[in-house]
Amino acid sequence: MTVIFGKVYVHYNDTMYYVTRIIKESLEPNVDAWREVTQSDTVLRKDGNYYFCRKIDEPEIIEDEQV
């Protein structure tokens, strides 16, 4: 887990994710409802927490064309 400017990021399976919400597993949250509310496309679970995440797409290199 990485924190940059107060935002939490997770690197998992060669993919970077932005964490939108962390909820304790012991609260037994409705995962599908929270996924929709947080607009997350991935939910990870570790150390008793659910991490609701959005995948960060790989950047695309755009080369300038000279006119």
Protein backbone atom coordinates (compact mmCIF):
# COMPACT_ATOMS: atom_id res chain seq x y z
CA MET A 1 0.00 0.00 0.00
CA THR A 2 1.30 3.42 -0.95
CA VAL A 3 0.04 6.82 0.18
CA ILE A 4 0.66 9.79 -2.13
CA PHE A 5 -0.80 13.22 -1.27
CA GLY A 6 -3.29 11.57 1.08
CA LYS A 7 -4.53 9.09 -1.54
CA VAL A 8 -4.07 5.33 -1.02
CA TYR A 9 -2.80 3.12 -3.84
CA VAL A 10 -2.35 -0.66 -3.99
CA HIS A 11 -0.16 -2.63 -6.38
CA TYR A 12 -1.63 -6.11 -6.95
CA ASN A 13 -0.95 -8.63 -9.76
CA ASP A 14 1.09 -6.10 -11.79
CA THR A 15 -1.79 -3.63 -11.70
CA MET A 16 -2.08 -0.37 -9.78
CA TYR A 17 -5.34 0.51 -8.02
CA TYR A 18 -6.67 3.66 -6.37
CA VAL A 19 -8.40 2.80 -3.07
CA THR A 20 -11.72 4.59 -2.73
CA ARG A 21 -12.77 3.06 0.60
CA ILE A 22 -11.48 0.68 3.28
CA ILE A 23 -14.05 -1.15 5.44
CA LYS A 24 -13.37 -3.65 8.23
CA GLU A 25 -14.41 -7.19 7.37
CA SER A 26 -15.85 -7.61 10.89
CA LEU A 27 -18.61 -5.09 10.04
CA GLU A 28 -19.89 -7.58 7.43
CA PRO A 29 -20.61 -4.91 4.80
CA ASN A 30 -22.78 -5.53 1.76
CA VAL A 31 -19.87 -5.71 -0.67
CA ASP A 32 -21.96 -5.36 -3.83
CA ALA A 33 -23.72 -2.26 -2.49
CA TRP A 34 -20.44 -0.66 -1.41
CA ARG A 35 -18.87 -1.50 -4.78
CA GLU A 36 -21.67 0.42 -6.48
CA VAL A 37 -21.61 3.36 -4.04
CA THR A 38 -17.83 3.79 -4.36
CA GLN A 39 -17.92 3.15 -8.13
CA SER A 40 -15.20 0.53 -7.63
CA ASP A 41 -14.38 -2.10 -10.22
CA THR A 42 -12.34 -4.31 -7.86
CA VAL A 43 -12.61 -5.36 -4.21
CA LEU A 44 -9.54 -6.74 -2.45
CA ARG A 45 -9.42 -8.32 1.01
CA LYS A 46 -6.37 -8.31 3.28
CA ASP A 47 -5.68 -8.24 7.03
CA GLY A 48 -9.37 -8.12 7.95
CA ASN A 49 -10.21 -5.23 5.63
CA TYR A 50 -12.02 -4.83 2.33
CA TYR A 51 -10.32 -2.45 -0.11
CA PHE A 52 -12.72 -0.99 -2.67
CA CYS A 53 -10.57 0.01 -5.64
CA ARG A 54 -10.55 1.52 -9.10
CA LYS A 55 -8.06 0.18 -11.60
CA ILE A 56 -5.53 2.68 -12.92
CA ASP A 57 -5.04 2.18 -16.66
CA GLU A 58 -1.57 2.08 -18.12
CA PRO A 59 -0.59 5.44 -19.62
CA GLU A 60 -0.52 5.71 -23.38
CA ILE A 61 2.46 7.42 -24.98
CA ILE A 62 1.43 9.96 -27.57
CA GLU A 63 4.18 11.24 -29.78
CA ASP A 64 4.04 14.74 -31.17
CA GLU A 65 3.93 14.97 -34.93
CA GLN A 66 5.78 17.86 -36.51
CA VAL A 67 3.71 19.82 -38.98
